[in-house]
Amino acid sequence: MSFFGVGDQDWVELDIDVVERRGAAGLVAALEDNRAAVSAAIGSPFEVEFAADGSIIVAGVRRRYRAEVDRTGRLLFTGILDPDGPL
């Protein structure tokens, strides 16, 4: 973060990439720290993957989930539709 300004006004400039990387690293750490609970919740062991858009994917044996931390700080999983599966 850097502070800059003109005259008596100051602005804060944030490095959003750094913030996002820290958020992703924290999410991966939370998944690893809670591996047993996550495996039980999705019904299989899992691997953590990084999607092209920077999101975190939890890949179980049969399903894949987009993982994020919700506004209350809880892990949130959203199922990803399998293009070869039923509609």
Protein backbone atom coordinates (compact mmCIF):
# COMPACT_ATOMS: atom_id res chain seq x y z
CA MET A 1 0.00 0.00 0.00
CA SER A 2 1.29 3.44 -0.75
CA PHE A 3 0.07 6.85 0.29
CA PHE A 4 0.20 9.74 -2.13
CA GLY A 5 -1.60 13.00 -2.57
CA VAL A 6 -1.58 16.55 -3.71
CA GLY A 7 -1.76 19.36 -1.20
CA ASP A 8 -3.75 18.51 1.89
CA GLN A 9 -5.55 15.55 0.30
CA ASP A 10 -4.20 12.01 0.52
CA TRP A 11 -5.22 8.85 -1.33
CA VAL A 12 -4.50 5.26 -0.48
CA GLU A 13 -3.41 2.97 -3.30
CA LEU A 14 -3.85 -0.76 -2.67
CA ASP A 15 -2.13 -3.54 -4.54
CA ILE A 16 -5.25 -5.61 -5.26
CA ASP A 17 -3.22 -8.54 -6.61
CA VAL A 18 -1.43 -8.87 -3.27
CA VAL A 19 -4.74 -8.73 -1.38
CA GLU A 20 -6.25 -11.39 -3.65
CA ARG A 21 -3.19 -13.67 -3.33
CA ARG A 22 -3.33 -13.40 0.45
CA GLY A 23 -7.04 -14.22 0.36
CA ALA A 24 -6.41 -17.27 -1.85
CA ALA A 25 -3.51 -18.41 0.35
CA GLY A 26 -5.72 -18.06 3.43
CA LEU A 27 -8.48 -20.07 1.76
CA VAL A 28 -6.09 -22.86 0.75
CA ALA A 29 -4.70 -22.90 4.31
CA ALA A 30 -8.24 -23.14 5.72
CA LEU A 31 -9.02 -26.05 3.39
CA GLU A 32 -5.84 -27.85 4.43
CA ASP A 33 -6.40 -27.15 8.14
CA ASN A 34 -9.93 -28.54 7.87
CA ARG A 35 -9.20 -31.36 5.42
CA ALA A 36 -11.03 -34.05 7.44
CA ALA A 37 -14.17 -31.93 7.84
CA VAL A 38 -14.17 -30.88 4.17
CA SER A 39 -13.68 -34.48 3.03
CA ALA A 40 -16.58 -35.59 5.24
CA ALA A 41 -18.79 -32.77 3.93
CA ILE A 42 -18.21 -33.55 0.24
CA GLY A 43 -18.07 -37.30 0.76
CA SER A 44 -14.59 -37.97 -0.63
CA PRO A 45 -10.95 -36.96 -0.46
CA PHE A 46 -10.16 -33.85 -2.47
CA GLU A 47 -7.46 -31.88 -4.24
CA VAL A 48 -7.18 -28.10 -4.35
CA GLU A 49 -6.90 -26.57 -7.83
CA PHE A 50 -6.56 -23.01 -9.10
CA ALA A 51 -8.92 -21.98 -11.90
CA ALA A 52 -7.81 -19.67 -14.70
CA ASP A 53 -9.88 -16.85 -13.20
CA GLY A 54 -8.01 -17.15 -9.89
CA SER A 55 -10.74 -18.93 -8.00
CA ILE A 56 -10.07 -21.97 -5.84
CA ILE A 57 -11.55 -25.32 -6.89
CA VAL A 58 -12.06 -28.26 -4.53
CA ALA A 59 -11.97 -31.37 -6.72
CA GLY A 60 -13.50 -34.40 -5.07
CA VAL A 61 -13.72 -37.88 -6.55
CA ARG A 62 -17.11 -37.28 -8.21
CA ARG A 63 -17.79 -33.54 -7.95
CA ARG A 64 -15.97 -30.25 -8.18
CA TYR A 65 -16.76 -27.17 -6.11
CA ARG A 66 -15.79 -23.53 -6.25
CA ALA A 67 -14.58 -22.62 -2.75
CA GLU A 68 -14.70 -19.20 -1.14
CA VAL A 69 -15.04 -17.58 2.23
CA ASP A 70 -18.44 -15.95 2.72
CA ARG A 71 -18.98 -12.61 4.43
CA THR A 72 -19.32 -14.29 7.82
CA GLY A 73 -15.95 -16.03 7.44
CA ARG A 74 -17.33 -19.51 6.75
CA LEU A 75 -16.16 -21.79 3.95
CA LEU A 76 -18.71 -21.80 1.12
CA PHE A 77 -18.77 -24.43 -1.63
CA THR A 78 -20.69 -24.00 -4.86
CA GLY A 79 -21.09 -27.10 -7.03
CA ILE A 80 -19.70 -26.85 -10.56
CA LEU A 81 -21.86 -28.50 -13.18
CA ASP A 82 -20.22 -31.35 -15.03
CA PRO A 83 -20.56 -30.68 -18.77
CA ASP A 84 -20.86 -34.43 -19.37
CA GLY A 85 -23.39 -34.94 -16.58
CA PRO A 86 -27.17 -34.60 -16.44
CA LEU A 87 -28.68 -31.15 -16.95
